[in-house]
Amino acid sequence: MTVHLLKLCVGADCVEDLVEWQAKRMEQARAEGKPPLPVHVTRMWPKREAELLDGGSLYWVFKGLVLARQRILGLAARTGEDGIRRCAITLDPEVVRVRPLPRRPFQGWRYLAPEDAPDDLGRGERVEALPPALAAHLDTLGVI
């Protein structure tokens, strides 16, 4: 049974920012002779590892809206400079845009059931996201 992760995309205002940042990191990894795959490092290790690796994705939240996802390819231990063990989530380089879905702020990551995940947009299909404040207000009203 598959499960997904939901994570705030801190430091990025839009999907293009994430794509650009990951492209730079992948080029750096390639230059260092490492696999050119995007990796997101998080402090906690997911307890539902098997379910994540069974087709799960990491869904990215930008300014209160889920706008994109990346398939999770693997989890690996990584020790930080502070000596603390962390979880390195290896992601598919393809960033898939999804139908905007409002999400309130949270810390860390959350599990996301497949039935609660937003649908992928078709190739070339674009949906302009609502301004975050408007989306949050409509969400509180139960409109979206």
Protein backbone atom coordinates (compact mmCIF):
# COMPACT_ATOMS: atom_id res chain seq x y z
CA MET A 1 0.00 0.00 0.00
CA THR A 2 1.38 3.36 -1.06
CA VAL A 3 1.63 6.50 1.04
CA HIS A 4 3.04 9.93 0.13
CA LEU A 5 4.88 12.69 1.98
CA LEU A 6 3.77 16.32 2.13
CA LYS A 7 6.51 18.93 2.69
CA LEU A 8 6.73 22.72 2.64
CA CYS A 9 9.09 23.97 -0.07
CA VAL A 10 10.91 26.51 2.07
CA GLY A 11 12.87 29.15 0.19
CA ALA A 12 11.01 28.67 -3.09
CA ASP A 13 8.17 30.92 -4.18
CA CYS A 14 7.07 28.77 -7.11
CA VAL A 15 7.67 25.43 -8.83
CA GLU A 16 10.20 27.02 -11.19
CA ASP A 17 12.37 27.99 -8.18
CA LEU A 18 12.45 24.35 -7.03
CA VAL A 19 13.29 23.08 -10.53
CA GLU A 20 16.10 25.62 -10.91
CA TRP A 21 17.57 24.90 -7.47
CA GLN A 22 17.51 21.14 -8.03
CA ALA A 23 19.07 21.51 -11.51
CA LYS A 24 22.01 23.40 -9.98
CA ARG A 25 22.44 20.76 -7.27
CA MET A 26 22.27 17.92 -9.81
CA GLU A 27 24.90 19.62 -11.99
CA GLN A 28 27.12 20.01 -8.93
CA ALA A 29 26.68 16.31 -8.08
CA ARG A 30 27.50 15.33 -11.68
CA ALA A 31 30.70 17.43 -11.52
CA GLU A 32 31.67 15.65 -8.28
CA GLY A 33 31.08 12.23 -9.86
CA LYS A 34 27.97 11.55 -7.77
CA PRO A 35 24.60 10.37 -9.13
CA PRO A 36 22.81 13.42 -10.56
CA LEU A 37 19.55 12.92 -8.68
CA PRO A 38 17.79 15.41 -6.42
CA VAL A 39 18.05 14.60 -2.72
CA HIS A 40 16.09 16.20 0.09
CA VAL A 41 17.53 15.72 3.58
CA THR A 42 15.16 15.70 6.53
CA ARG A 43 15.80 15.29 10.25
CA MET A 44 13.34 12.48 10.91
CA TRP A 45 13.26 9.01 9.33
CA PRO A 46 9.80 8.01 8.04
CA LYS A 47 8.38 5.05 9.95
CA ARG A 48 6.31 4.07 6.91
CA GLU A 49 9.37 3.55 4.69
CA ALA A 50 8.04 0.47 2.86
CA GLU A 51 4.82 2.28 1.91
CA LEU A 52 6.74 5.33 0.66
CA LEU A 53 9.00 3.15 -1.48
CA ASP A 54 5.94 1.40 -2.96
CA GLY A 55 5.26 4.22 -5.45
CA GLY A 56 5.09 7.16 -3.05
CA SER A 57 5.82 10.76 -3.97
CA LEU A 58 6.91 13.86 -2.11
CA TYR A 59 4.27 16.56 -2.61
CA TRP A 60 5.62 20.12 -2.38
CA VAL A 61 3.65 22.97 -0.74
CA PHE A 62 4.40 26.50 -2.02
CA LYS A 63 2.91 29.42 -0.10
CA GLY A 64 -0.06 27.45 1.18
CA LEU A 65 -0.75 25.41 -1.98
CA VAL A 66 0.35 21.92 -3.03
CA LEU A 67 1.58 22.55 -6.59
CA ALA A 68 4.02 19.76 -7.49
CA ARG A 69 5.29 16.29 -6.66
CA GLN A 70 8.32 14.09 -7.23
CA ARG A 71 8.43 10.29 -7.01
CA ILE A 72 10.46 8.95 -4.09
CA LEU A 73 13.20 6.66 -5.37
CA GLY A 74 14.92 5.79 -2.11
CA LEU A 75 15.83 6.64 1.47
CA ALA A 76 19.37 6.62 2.81
CA ALA A 77 21.05 7.52 6.08
CA ARG A 78 23.15 10.66 6.03
CA THR A 79 25.10 12.06 8.95
CA GLY A 80 25.22 15.83 9.20
CA GLU A 81 28.23 17.94 10.16
CA ASP A 82 26.79 17.97 13.67
CA GLY A 83 27.03 14.16 13.85
CA ILE A 84 23.25 13.67 13.82
CA ARG A 85 21.81 10.95 11.55
CA ARG A 86 19.27 12.20 9.04
CA CYS A 87 17.21 10.79 6.19
CA ALA A 88 18.22 11.61 2.61
CA ILE A 89 15.20 11.20 0.34
CA THR A 90 16.28 10.55 -3.25
CA LEU A 91 13.76 11.92 -5.73
CA ASP A 92 12.97 11.45 -9.39
CA PRO A 93 14.30 14.51 -11.26
CA GLU A 94 10.94 14.97 -12.99
CA VAL A 95 8.84 17.56 -11.15
CA VAL A 96 5.17 16.85 -11.89
CA ARG A 97 2.72 19.70 -11.51
CA VAL A 98 -0.52 18.91 -9.72
CA ARG A 99 -3.88 20.60 -9.35
CA PRO A 100 -3.50 23.28 -6.66
CA LEU A 101 -4.63 22.10 -3.23
CA PRO A 102 -4.65 24.46 -0.20
CA ARG A 103 -2.65 23.40 2.87
CA ARG A 104 -2.17 25.20 6.15
CA PRO A 105 1.39 25.69 7.39
CA PHE A 106 3.04 22.88 9.36
CA GLN A 107 6.53 21.89 10.45
CA GLY A 108 8.49 18.96 9.09
CA TRP A 109 6.53 16.65 6.83
CA ARG A 110 3.22 14.83 6.95
CA TYR A 111 1.96 11.60 5.45
CA LEU A 112 -0.56 11.99 2.65
CA ALA A 113 -2.97 9.21 1.75
CA PRO A 114 -3.27 8.51 -2.00
CA GLU A 115 -6.98 9.37 -1.96
CA ASP A 116 -6.16 12.82 -0.51
CA ALA A 117 -3.43 13.61 -3.05
CA PRO A 118 -4.21 16.13 -5.79
CA ASP A 119 -4.41 14.91 -9.39
CA ASP A 120 -1.53 15.46 -11.77
CA LEU A 121 -1.96 18.10 -14.45
CA GLY A 122 -1.70 16.88 -18.04
CA ARG A 123 1.45 17.60 -20.07
CA GLY A 124 1.43 21.25 -21.02
CA GLU A 125 -1.63 21.93 -18.87
CA ARG A 126 -1.20 24.87 -16.54
CA VAL A 127 -3.42 26.08 -13.77
CA GLU A 128 -2.71 29.49 -12.41
CA ALA A 129 -2.65 29.25 -8.64
CA LEU A 130 -4.77 31.57 -6.58
CA PRO A 131 -2.88 34.09 -4.49
CA PRO A 132 -2.04 32.30 -1.21
CA ALA A 133 -4.07 34.68 0.97
CA LEU A 134 -7.16 34.21 -1.21
CA ALA A 135 -6.72 30.42 -1.32
CA ALA A 136 -6.35 30.29 2.48
CA HIS A 137 -9.48 32.44 2.96
CA LEU A 138 -11.55 30.31 0.56
CA ASP A 139 -10.28 27.19 2.35
CA THR A 140 -11.47 28.51 5.73
CA LEU A 141 -14.89 29.15 4.15
CA GLY A 142 -14.96 25.59 2.81
CA VAL A 143 -15.17 26.76 -0.80
CA ILE A 144 -12.03 24.93 -1.94
